[in-house]
Protein backbone atom coordinates (compact mmCIF):
# COMPACT_ATOMS: atom_id res chain seq x y z
CA MET A 1 -149.66 209.77 106.34
CA ALA A 2 -153.33 209.99 107.05
CA SER A 3 -153.14 213.74 107.09
CA ARG A 4 -152.46 214.19 103.44
CA THR A 5 -153.91 212.92 100.11
CA ILE A 6 -152.17 209.99 98.54
CA LYS A 7 -151.67 210.41 94.83
CA LEU A 8 -152.36 207.03 93.29
CA LEU A 9 -151.72 205.89 89.68
CA LEU A 10 -154.06 203.05 88.72
CA VAL A 11 -152.65 201.18 85.55
CA GLU A 12 -155.68 198.77 84.63
CA ASP A 13 -157.21 198.06 81.34
CA GLU A 14 -160.44 196.42 82.83
CA LEU A 15 -162.73 199.37 83.50
CA ASP A 16 -165.01 197.36 85.83
CA TYR A 17 -161.96 196.42 88.13
CA ALA A 18 -160.79 200.09 87.97
CA HIS A 19 -164.19 201.29 89.05
CA ALA A 20 -164.32 198.65 91.97
CA VAL A 21 -160.80 200.01 93.20
CA LYS A 22 -162.03 203.59 93.04
CA GLU A 23 -165.10 202.41 95.08
CA LEU A 24 -163.09 200.52 97.66
CA LEU A 25 -160.71 203.64 98.22
CA SER A 26 -163.58 206.21 98.47
CA PRO A 27 -164.60 208.75 99.86
CA PRO A 28 -161.89 211.44 98.98
CA PRO A 29 -159.66 213.23 100.00
CA ALA A 30 -157.71 210.15 101.34
CA PHE A 31 -156.81 209.19 97.73
CA HIS A 32 -156.33 210.93 94.41
CA ILE A 33 -156.68 208.29 91.88
CA THR A 34 -155.49 208.85 88.27
CA HIS A 35 -156.53 205.91 85.95
CA VAL A 36 -154.82 204.95 82.67
CA LYS A 37 -155.34 201.90 80.54
CA SER A 38 -152.06 201.16 78.96
CA PHE A 39 -148.42 201.04 79.80
CA LYS A 40 -147.77 203.94 77.30
CA GLU A 41 -150.29 206.06 78.87
CA ALA A 42 -148.86 205.18 82.39
CA LYS A 43 -145.36 206.27 81.27
CA THR A 44 -146.48 209.53 79.77
CA CYS A 45 -148.46 210.28 82.99
CA LEU A 46 -145.51 209.61 85.20
CA GLU A 47 -143.22 211.80 83.03
CA ASN A 48 -145.48 214.78 83.61
CA GLU A 49 -146.72 214.22 87.37
CA LEU A 50 -145.43 212.85 90.57
CA PHE A 51 -147.22 210.03 92.38
CA ASP A 52 -146.92 208.35 95.70
CA VAL A 53 -147.78 204.88 94.55
CA ALA A 54 -148.78 202.81 91.53
CA LEU A 55 -151.29 199.76 91.30
CA LEU A 56 -150.09 198.01 88.21
CA ASP A 57 -151.82 195.32 86.29
CA LEU A 58 -149.23 192.87 84.82
CA MET A 59 -151.49 191.91 81.85
CA LEU A 60 -151.73 195.20 79.67
CA PRO A 61 -152.58 195.59 75.91
CA ASP A 62 -149.21 196.95 75.07
CA ASN A 63 -147.01 195.12 77.77
CA SER A 64 -147.42 191.89 79.85
CA GLY A 65 -145.90 189.60 82.39
CA LEU A 66 -142.99 190.43 84.51
CA LYS A 67 -141.60 192.66 81.85
CA THR A 68 -144.52 195.16 82.70
CA PHE A 69 -143.19 195.64 86.16
CA SER A 70 -139.49 195.71 85.14
CA ASP A 71 -140.09 198.40 82.58
CA LEU A 72 -142.04 200.60 84.77
CA ASN A 73 -139.65 200.14 87.75
CA GLU A 74 -136.79 201.09 85.36
CA ALA A 75 -138.54 204.15 84.08
CA VAL A 76 -139.50 205.43 87.64
CA PRO A 77 -137.19 203.50 90.33
CA ASP A 78 -138.27 205.75 93.18
CA LEU A 79 -142.05 204.87 92.74
CA PRO A 80 -143.39 202.07 95.09
CA ILE A 81 -145.39 199.79 92.92
CA ILE A 82 -148.06 197.09 93.96
CA VAL A 83 -148.75 194.68 91.22
CA ILE A 84 -152.27 193.31 90.34
CA THR A 85 -152.64 189.77 89.16
CA GLY A 86 -155.24 187.06 88.47
CA LEU A 87 -155.78 183.91 90.35
CA ASN A 88 -153.69 182.00 88.10
CA ASP A 89 -150.67 184.41 88.18
CA GLU A 90 -149.56 184.44 91.81
CA THR A 91 -146.20 182.85 90.93
CA LEU A 92 -145.59 185.70 88.52
CA ALA A 93 -146.61 188.08 91.31
CA LEU A 94 -144.24 186.66 93.76
CA ARG A 95 -141.37 186.88 91.19
CA ALA A 96 -142.35 190.67 90.81
CA VAL A 97 -142.06 191.17 94.52
CA ARG A 98 -138.54 189.52 94.47
CA GLU A 99 -137.55 191.97 91.79
CA GLY A 100 -138.70 194.93 94.01
CA ALA A 101 -142.36 195.26 93.91
CA GLN A 102 -143.70 196.24 97.26
CA ASP A 103 -146.75 193.86 97.29
CA TYR A 104 -149.24 192.00 94.99
CA LEU A 105 -152.99 191.88 95.01
CA VAL A 106 -155.09 189.11 93.52
CA LYS A 107 -158.17 190.23 91.62
CA GLY A 108 -161.43 189.22 93.34
CA GLN A 109 -159.79 188.95 96.78
CA LEU A 110 -159.86 192.68 97.62
CA ASP A 111 -161.60 194.63 100.32
CA GLY A 112 -161.40 198.31 101.26
CA LYS A 113 -159.45 197.89 104.45
CA MET A 114 -156.81 195.47 102.96
CA LEU A 115 -156.29 197.56 99.90
CA ASP A 116 -155.88 200.77 102.13
CA ARG A 117 -153.54 198.96 104.35
CA SER A 118 -151.56 197.46 101.44
CA ILE A 119 -151.05 200.82 99.76
CA ARG A 120 -150.07 202.69 102.93
CA TYR A 121 -147.65 199.82 103.90
CA ALA A 122 -146.10 199.90 100.49
CA ILE A 123 -145.39 203.77 100.72
CA GLU A 124 -143.88 203.22 104.12
CA ARG A 125 -141.66 200.26 103.27
CA HIS A 126 -140.47 202.07 100.08
CA GLY A 127 -139.55 205.20 102.29
CA ALA A 128 -137.77 202.92 104.58
CA GLU A 129 -135.85 201.21 101.92
CA ASN A 130 -134.83 204.34 100.39
CA GLU A 131 -133.64 205.64 103.63
CA LEU A 132 -131.63 202.50 104.30
CA ARG A 133 -130.22 202.75 100.77
CA ARG A 134 -129.12 206.36 101.47
CA LYS A 135 -127.58 205.29 104.76
CA ASP A 136 -125.78 202.35 103.08
CA GLU A 137 -124.54 204.70 100.46
CA PHE A 138 -123.47 207.31 103.09
CA PHE A 139 -121.63 204.55 104.84
CA ARG A 140 -120.04 203.18 101.73
CA LEU A 141 -118.73 206.73 100.74
CA ILE A 142 -117.26 207.27 104.18
CA SER A 143 -115.74 203.82 104.33
CA GLU A 144 -114.21 204.00 100.79
CA ASN A 145 -112.75 207.64 101.39
CA VAL A 146 -111.17 207.52 104.74
CA SER A 147 -107.70 206.40 105.53
CA ASP A 148 -108.79 204.84 108.91
CA LEU A 149 -109.17 201.02 108.98
CA ILE A 150 -112.87 200.19 109.73
CA ALA A 151 -113.63 196.68 110.76
CA VAL A 152 -116.55 194.68 112.30
CA LEU A 153 -115.84 191.47 114.29
CA ASP A 154 -118.19 188.86 115.74
CA HIS A 155 -118.10 187.75 119.32
CA GLU A 156 -115.16 185.22 118.45
CA GLY A 157 -113.03 187.90 116.52
CA ARG A 158 -114.13 186.57 113.12
CA ARG A 159 -114.19 189.44 110.52
CA LEU A 160 -117.76 190.47 109.24
CA TYR A 161 -116.64 193.58 107.42
CA ASN A 162 -113.45 195.43 106.47
CA SER A 163 -113.31 198.70 104.96
CA PRO A 164 -111.43 199.21 101.43
CA SER A 165 -108.59 201.01 103.32
CA TYR A 166 -107.48 197.48 104.53
CA ARG A 167 -106.50 196.44 100.90
CA PRO A 168 -102.80 197.85 101.18
CA ILE A 169 -102.30 195.86 104.39
CA LEU A 170 -104.50 192.60 104.14
CA GLY A 171 -105.37 192.61 100.42
CA ASP A 172 -108.98 192.51 98.82
CA PRO A 173 -111.50 193.21 101.79
CA ALA A 174 -113.97 191.15 100.02
CA VAL A 175 -112.24 187.90 100.81
CA LEU A 176 -111.73 188.81 104.55
CA PRO A 177 -115.28 188.10 106.07
CA GLY A 178 -115.11 184.86 108.20
CA THR A 179 -111.24 184.97 108.73
CA ASN A 180 -109.74 185.31 112.19
CA SER A 181 -108.76 188.78 112.91
CA PHE A 182 -106.07 187.71 115.40
CA GLU A 183 -104.09 185.78 112.99
CA GLU A 184 -102.03 188.81 111.65
CA VAL A 185 -101.57 190.17 115.11
CA HIS A 186 -97.84 189.77 116.07
CA PRO A 187 -97.36 186.67 118.27
CA ALA A 188 -95.79 188.83 121.11
CA ASP A 189 -98.90 191.06 121.15
CA ARG A 190 -101.71 188.42 120.40
CA ASP A 191 -102.57 187.34 123.82
CA ARG A 192 -102.75 190.95 125.18
CA ILE A 193 -105.13 191.91 122.30
CA ILE A 194 -107.36 188.79 122.76
CA ARG A 195 -107.75 189.73 126.51
CA ILE A 196 -108.69 193.34 125.60
CA PHE A 197 -111.22 192.05 123.06
CA ASP A 198 -112.76 189.64 125.44
CA GLU A 199 -112.89 192.39 128.15
CA THR A 200 -114.66 194.72 125.74
CA LEU A 201 -117.31 192.22 124.90
CA ARG A 202 -117.65 191.21 128.59
CA THR A 203 -118.11 194.84 130.05
CA GLY A 204 -119.48 196.55 126.88
CA ARG A 205 -116.89 199.31 127.29
CA GLY A 206 -114.70 200.29 124.50
CA SER A 207 -111.01 200.59 124.80
CA ARG A 208 -107.81 201.58 122.98
CA ALA A 209 -104.89 199.36 122.12
CA GLU A 210 -101.67 199.69 120.21
CA TYR A 211 -100.15 196.52 118.73
CA ARG A 212 -98.08 195.21 115.77
CA MET A 213 -99.32 193.24 112.80
CA LEU A 214 -97.00 190.65 111.37
CA LEU A 215 -97.81 190.51 107.43
CA LYS A 216 -97.35 187.60 105.21
CA ASP A 217 -94.34 189.28 103.52
CA GLY A 218 -92.66 189.44 106.85
CA THR A 219 -93.35 193.21 107.30
CA ILE A 220 -94.47 194.71 110.58
CA ARG A 221 -97.08 197.44 110.74
CA HIS A 222 -97.82 199.40 114.00
CA ILE A 223 -101.49 199.61 114.48
CA GLU A 224 -103.56 201.80 117.00
CA SER A 225 -107.26 200.75 117.43
CA GLN A 226 -110.26 201.91 119.26
CA GLY A 227 -112.96 199.16 119.83
CA ASN A 228 -116.53 199.56 120.77
CA VAL A 229 -119.43 197.04 121.01
CA ILE A 230 -122.59 196.61 118.97
CA ARG A 231 -125.48 195.24 121.00
CA ASN A 232 -128.10 192.86 119.86
CA GLY A 233 -131.84 193.06 120.42
CA GLY A 234 -131.45 192.18 124.15
CA GLN A 235 -128.85 194.87 124.53
CA GLU A 236 -126.18 192.43 125.06
CA PRO A 237 -122.72 193.15 123.31
CA ALA A 238 -122.69 190.91 120.15
CA LYS A 239 -120.11 192.52 117.77
CA VAL A 240 -117.16 194.76 118.06
CA VAL A 241 -116.49 197.64 115.71
CA LEU A 242 -112.85 198.69 115.41
CA VAL A 243 -111.58 201.92 114.05
CA SER A 244 -107.82 201.68 113.56
CA ARG A 245 -104.92 203.60 112.28
CA ASP A 246 -101.56 202.54 110.76
CA ILE A 247 -99.12 204.54 112.75
CA THR A 248 -96.02 202.96 111.22
CA ASP A 249 -94.84 205.90 109.68
CA ARG A 250 -95.64 208.12 112.60
CA LYS A 251 -93.58 205.84 114.96
CA ALA A 252 -90.74 205.93 112.43
CA ALA A 253 -90.92 209.78 112.37
CA VAL A 254 -91.11 209.93 116.21
CA GLU A 255 -88.07 207.66 116.40
CA THR A 256 -86.40 209.70 113.72
CA LEU A 257 -87.01 212.84 115.81
CA ARG A 258 -85.93 211.25 118.92
CA GLU A 259 -82.70 210.25 117.48
CA ALA A 260 -82.28 213.80 115.80
CA LEU A 261 -82.90 215.26 119.39
CA SER A 262 -80.43 212.91 120.67
CA ASP A 263 -77.85 213.89 118.28
CA LEU A 264 -78.65 217.55 118.72
CA LYS A 265 -78.17 217.20 122.51
CA HIS A 266 -74.90 215.39 121.78
CA GLY A 267 -73.89 218.12 119.39
CA HIS A 268 -74.94 220.72 121.93
CA GLU A 269 -72.71 219.16 124.54
CA GLU A 270 -69.78 219.05 122.18
CA LEU A 271 -70.60 222.76 121.14
CA LYS A 272 -70.68 223.64 124.85
CA ALA A 273 -67.38 221.88 125.55
CA THR A 274 -65.66 223.48 122.42
CA GLN A 275 -66.94 226.86 123.56
CA LEU A 276 -65.58 226.45 126.94
CA LYS A 277 -62.13 225.33 125.43
CA LEU A 278 -62.54 228.55 123.29
CA VAL A 279 -63.14 230.66 126.24
CA GLN A 280 -60.21 229.25 127.88
CA ALA A 281 -58.18 229.72 124.88
CA GLU A 282 -59.30 233.37 124.61
CA LYS A 283 -58.29 233.81 128.33
CA LEU A 284 -54.98 232.29 127.73
CA GLU A 285 -54.56 234.65 124.77
CA ALA A 286 -55.54 237.53 127.04
CA VAL A 287 -53.13 236.51 129.75
CA SER A 288 -50.25 236.39 127.08
CA THR A 289 -51.21 240.01 126.05
CA PHE A 290 -51.33 241.39 129.50
CA ALA A 291 -48.19 239.39 130.60
CA ALA A 292 -46.40 241.41 127.84
CA GLY A 293 -47.94 244.67 129.16
CA VAL A 294 -46.89 243.76 132.77
CA ALA A 295 -43.39 242.76 131.59
CA HIS A 296 -43.08 246.17 129.66
CA GLU A 297 -44.30 248.15 132.62
CA VAL A 298 -42.22 246.51 135.43
CA LYS A 299 -39.06 245.57 133.54
CA ASN A 300 -37.42 248.96 133.48
CA PRO A 301 -38.23 249.88 136.99
CA LEU A 302 -36.64 246.61 138.20
CA GLN A 303 -33.56 247.20 136.20
CA THR A 304 -33.38 250.81 137.87
CA ILE A 305 -33.87 249.36 141.32
CA LEU A 306 -31.15 246.58 140.72
CA LEU A 307 -28.56 249.16 139.40
CA GLY A 308 -29.26 251.24 142.40
CA LEU A 309 -28.81 248.32 144.82
CA GLU A 310 -25.57 247.39 143.02
CA TYR A 311 -24.31 250.95 143.56
CA LEU A 312 -25.30 251.02 147.10
CA GLY A 313 -23.54 247.75 147.64
CA ARG A 314 -20.29 249.18 146.22
CA HIS A 315 -20.53 252.40 148.37
CA LEU A 316 -21.89 251.41 151.82
CA PRO A 317 -19.58 251.04 154.76
CA THR A 318 -18.16 247.43 154.62
CA ARG A 319 -17.82 247.34 158.47
CA ASP A 320 -21.76 247.27 158.95
CA LYS A 321 -22.48 243.58 158.04
CA THR A 322 -26.24 244.06 158.62
CA ILE A 323 -26.54 246.80 156.06
CA LYS A 324 -24.66 244.59 153.62
CA ASP A 325 -26.84 241.55 154.16
CA VAL A 326 -30.15 243.52 153.86
CA VAL A 327 -28.91 245.02 150.52
CA GLN A 328 -27.71 241.55 149.28
CA ASP A 329 -31.26 240.26 150.13
CA MET A 330 -32.74 243.12 148.26
CA VAL A 331 -30.72 242.27 145.29
CA HIS A 332 -31.74 238.69 145.29
CA ALA A 333 -35.48 239.62 145.66
CA VAL A 334 -35.16 242.06 142.65
CA THR A 335 -33.18 239.56 140.68
CA ARG A 336 -35.91 236.98 141.28
CA ALA A 337 -38.69 239.38 140.31
CA ASP A 338 -36.71 240.26 137.13
CA GLY A 339 -36.50 236.54 136.42
CA ILE A 340 -40.26 236.38 136.68
CA ILE A 341 -40.76 239.18 134.36
CA ARG A 342 -38.50 237.66 131.83
CA GLY A 343 -40.44 234.42 132.11
CA LEU A 344 -43.69 236.47 131.35
CA THR A 345 -41.88 238.03 128.35
CA ASP A 346 -41.09 234.64 127.06
CA PHE A 347 -44.66 233.46 127.67
CA ALA A 348 -45.91 236.32 125.61
CA GLN A 349 -43.52 235.88 122.84
CA HIS A 350 -45.57 233.61 120.69
CA SER A 351 -48.30 236.63 120.14
CA ARG A 352 -46.44 238.92 117.71
CA ARG A 353 -48.59 241.94 117.03
CA GLU A 354 -49.34 243.17 113.42
CA LEU A 355 -50.82 246.62 113.05
CA ARG A 356 -53.64 246.63 110.50
CA GLU A 357 -56.85 248.62 109.68
CA GLU A 358 -59.47 246.99 111.82
CA ASN A 359 -63.13 247.75 112.66
CA LEU A 360 -63.76 248.58 116.17
CA SER A 361 -67.16 247.03 116.28
CA GLU A 362 -65.89 243.69 114.87
CA ILE A 363 -63.28 243.65 117.72
CA LEU A 364 -65.97 244.37 120.30
CA LYS A 365 -68.26 241.75 118.83
CA GLN A 366 -65.67 239.11 119.13
CA ALA A 367 -64.77 240.01 122.70
CA VAL A 368 -68.34 240.08 123.74
CA ALA A 369 -68.84 236.60 122.08
CA ALA A 370 -65.87 235.20 124.04
CA VAL A 371 -67.17 236.23 127.49
CA GLU A 372 -70.79 235.65 126.94
CA PRO A 373 -70.85 232.03 127.92
CA GLU A 374 -69.28 232.78 131.32
CA PHE A 375 -71.79 235.86 131.87
CA ASN A 376 -74.64 233.46 131.34
CA GLN A 377 -73.49 231.53 134.47
CA HIS A 378 -74.15 234.62 136.51
CA PRO A 379 -77.06 237.00 136.88
CA ILE A 380 -75.39 239.43 134.45
CA LEU A 381 -77.46 240.84 131.67
CA LEU A 382 -75.29 241.92 128.70
CA SER A 383 -76.50 243.98 125.93
CA HIS A 384 -74.88 245.90 123.00
CA GLU A 385 -75.22 248.47 120.24
CA PHE A 386 -72.54 248.22 117.61
CA GLY A 387 -72.21 251.04 115.04
CA GLU A 388 -72.22 249.97 111.48
CA ASN A 389 -69.65 251.27 108.70
CA LEU A 390 -67.23 252.72 111.38
CA PRO A 391 -64.05 254.21 109.90
CA ALA A 392 -61.05 251.86 110.50
CA ILE A 393 -58.45 252.17 113.24
CA MET A 394 -54.82 251.09 113.10
CA VAL A 395 -54.38 248.37 115.82
CA ASP A 396 -53.35 244.68 116.30
CA PHE A 397 -56.87 242.88 116.22
CA ARG A 398 -56.16 240.07 118.59
CA SER A 399 -54.21 242.20 121.05
CA LEU A 400 -56.88 244.78 121.45
CA LYS A 401 -59.63 242.03 121.42
CA HIS A 402 -57.89 240.61 124.58
CA VAL A 403 -57.80 244.14 126.25
CA PHE A 404 -61.54 244.12 125.95
CA ILE A 405 -62.06 240.65 127.00
CA ASN A 406 -59.82 241.36 130.10
CA LEU A 407 -61.91 244.48 130.87
CA LEU A 408 -65.21 242.79 130.41
CA MET A 409 -64.18 239.87 132.56
CA ARG A 410 -62.73 242.32 135.32
CA VAL A 411 -66.01 244.41 135.42
CA SER A 412 -68.13 241.19 135.60
CA ARG A 413 -66.27 240.05 138.84
CA ASP A 414 -67.50 243.44 140.24
CA LEU A 415 -71.04 242.41 139.53
CA GLN A 416 -70.86 239.13 141.49
CA PRO A 417 -72.70 237.67 143.36
CA GLU A 418 -75.58 240.15 143.25
CA GLY A 419 -75.34 240.54 139.29
CA GLY A 420 -76.08 243.47 137.21
CA ARG A 421 -76.12 244.85 133.68
CA ILE A 422 -73.32 245.59 131.16
CA VAL A 423 -74.01 247.71 128.18
CA VAL A 424 -71.38 247.67 125.29
CA ARG A 425 -71.72 250.12 122.43
CA THR A 426 -69.45 251.55 119.61
CA PHE A 427 -69.77 254.63 117.59
CA ALA A 428 -67.91 257.45 115.80
CA SER A 429 -68.08 261.26 116.20
CA THR A 430 -66.24 264.28 114.97
CA LEU A 431 -64.32 266.40 117.69
CA GLU A 432 -65.14 270.03 117.93
CA ARG A 433 -62.04 270.83 119.96
CA SER A 434 -58.98 268.80 121.41
CA LEU A 435 -59.94 265.70 123.42
CA VAL A 436 -60.07 266.48 127.23
CA LEU A 437 -60.72 263.43 129.36
CA ASN A 438 -60.50 263.42 133.24
CA GLY A 439 -59.44 267.10 132.97
CA LYS A 440 -56.51 266.13 130.80
CA GLU A 441 -56.08 267.57 127.41
CA PHE A 442 -54.76 265.16 124.67
CA ARG A 443 -53.10 267.17 121.90
CA ASN A 444 -52.70 264.31 119.60
CA PHE A 445 -56.58 264.45 119.06
CA GLU A 446 -57.44 267.67 117.28
CA ALA A 447 -60.45 269.53 116.45
CA ASN A 448 -62.25 267.93 113.29
CA ASP A 449 -60.70 264.57 114.01
CA THR A 450 -62.87 261.55 113.43
CA VAL A 451 -62.67 259.48 116.56
CA LEU A 452 -64.01 255.99 117.37
CA TRP A 453 -65.63 255.26 120.78
CA ALA A 454 -66.04 252.09 122.66
CA GLU A 455 -68.02 252.48 125.77
CA ILE A 456 -68.62 249.90 128.55
CA GLU A 457 -71.23 250.81 131.04
CA VAL A 458 -71.66 248.68 134.24
CA PHE A 459 -74.74 248.84 136.54
CA PRO A 460 -74.61 246.63 139.64
CA ASN A 461 -77.80 245.45 141.29
CA ARG A 462 -76.50 246.46 144.64
CA GLN A 463 -75.99 250.32 145.48
CA ARG A 464 -72.33 251.55 145.78
CA GLU A 465 -71.36 252.28 149.40
CA ALA A 466 -70.23 255.88 149.96
CA GLY A 467 -66.48 256.18 149.74
CA GLY A 468 -66.24 252.60 148.28
CA ASN A 469 -64.29 251.46 145.34
CA PRO A 470 -66.72 251.40 142.48
CA THR A 471 -64.56 248.96 140.42
CA GLY A 472 -64.52 246.27 143.23
CA SER A 473 -61.63 244.92 145.05
CA HIS A 474 -60.33 242.67 142.24
CA GLY A 475 -57.19 244.57 141.32
CA SER A 476 -58.03 247.92 139.83
CA GLY A 477 -54.47 249.08 140.24
CA LEU A 478 -51.89 247.57 138.07
CA SER A 479 -54.30 245.67 135.68
CA LEU A 480 -56.19 248.74 134.75
CA THR A 481 -52.90 250.70 134.35
CA VAL A 482 -51.49 247.92 132.09
CA LEU A 483 -54.83 247.93 130.11
CA LYS A 484 -54.51 251.75 129.71
CA LYS A 485 -50.91 251.50 128.67
CA ILE A 486 -51.66 248.73 126.07
CA ILE A 487 -54.36 251.15 124.48
CA GLU A 488 -51.94 253.93 124.52
CA LEU A 489 -49.61 251.94 122.44
CA TYR A 490 -52.22 252.19 119.67
CA GLY A 491 -52.84 255.85 120.18
CA GLY A 492 -55.95 255.44 122.18
CA VAL A 493 -56.96 256.84 125.60
CA VAL A 494 -59.18 255.42 128.38
CA GLU A 495 -61.59 257.45 130.51
CA THR A 496 -63.28 256.07 133.73
CA THR A 497 -66.21 258.03 135.08
CA HIS A 498 -68.98 257.39 137.78
CA PRO A 499 -72.09 259.13 137.08
CA GLU A 500 -73.69 260.53 140.20
CA ASP A 501 -77.25 259.78 139.14
CA THR A 502 -76.32 255.89 139.08
CA ALA A 503 -74.27 253.45 141.01
CA GLY A 504 -72.60 252.42 137.83
CA THR A 505 -69.23 252.92 136.10
CA ARG A 506 -68.47 254.06 132.49
CA TYR A 507 -65.40 253.11 130.64
CA ALA A 508 -64.75 255.07 127.49
CA VAL A 509 -61.95 254.00 125.06
CA VAL A 510 -61.23 256.52 122.18
CA PHE A 511 -59.17 255.93 119.00
CA LYS A 512 -58.40 258.19 116.27
CA SER A 513 -59.52 257.05 112.78
CA ALA A 514 -56.83 255.64 110.60
CA HIS A 515 -57.82 257.94 107.66
CA ARG A 516 -57.71 261.73 107.50
CA THR A 517 -61.03 263.57 106.82
CA THR A 518 -61.29 265.96 103.91
CA ALA A 519 -61.14 268.88 106.54
CA GLN A 520 -57.94 267.56 108.05
CA ALA A 521 -56.42 267.12 104.61
CA ALA A 522 -57.02 270.72 103.91
């Protein structure tokens, strides 16, 4: 402060005393003194100029007594004021100090050093008070506008301060100082919290704790607190400041989420079980469909064999008993096989087929959805590209879906255990000439026909051995033959190829559109 000039306003009606003050504070430039002789002049001067400090005589021609100080302090609250009084007015001067004056000086008892020191101290104290007020205001704004619960406790746990955010929990914070902060802690948590509090004071290290508060109305609030110590002048822990949060809603939300996750897990398990049942049901339906196909393919040949054996039985030489026994055994075996076929036919009777216009992509979508859960249990990657707005085909939806389910399950077995990739796609095209597959011409497919394709490409992770069976060893004979026959019932054909540039297998199923195109109609 000694490095700059102090601007001082001297409000004094006695010219001799004013001159003495100027003499005591000389030489410049330590002080720049402006002298006025009345309260009115002082106010005018303060309205037009800034000062560092004021020396105010309490007895002026236009204002006197404590009111002189009060009026000037009200007019310029940020100005430090030192009052000047006579020997008989020290009581009045002390009252002015209690009202906010920085100091008082008695006329006739001044010297230069004391006056200089009094002015400088007054400026410093006023600056410190302003800084303290700013900090108090800053702290007040923070404490009144944060949702966190802020409290200061003494070394016995009595409350010294509680922020306004405590109001919804404990009521008016103004009545809380001096009360026991452990009283509202839930009895089951109280001893633990007291131990943590004592440990914090003993070690000086803050800690976090979670506990319950039991309020007067019986409600329970879950609180999370972080405690830290406030040290005294000897640097010993004397107080504890707590910053807490009411986490009741958060815990309730976590519990709700936990219950929701539990319900979701339970629902997932139920869905998984239902999905497995659905897969089994789809498999059963597929078995039914192929049982009918097997019965259709085997029934007539068995009847032919049976008739032939009966004929042989009637025309073989009767003297050769061995031949007769062999023929009889063959008749029994064929009769037994015929009974099995009839049983398969009865098993499949519940699935009556209805021909309708269907969408090939929808049939493949449902077939893929039925087998996907089982594929997920193996290293098999299943992808699909379903054509949109395809022309309709005339088929039995459920029967054809089971054909594709069976084919997909069959090719998936060829990929185990090494795994592989299966690509399913559907699309439509227009034939440029009669359909030729595997070197065979299908004359029911004519040029300009709109045809629907369902392709299933299988790419195993292992390389196919030279001369090996590309479709595996899981029954490519009768099952694939029956599958082709069922597709042929709906006017479709199947082509199986083995591209030389890959180790894969391609199954192409072709159907004719249920509707004639304009070119065909012409």
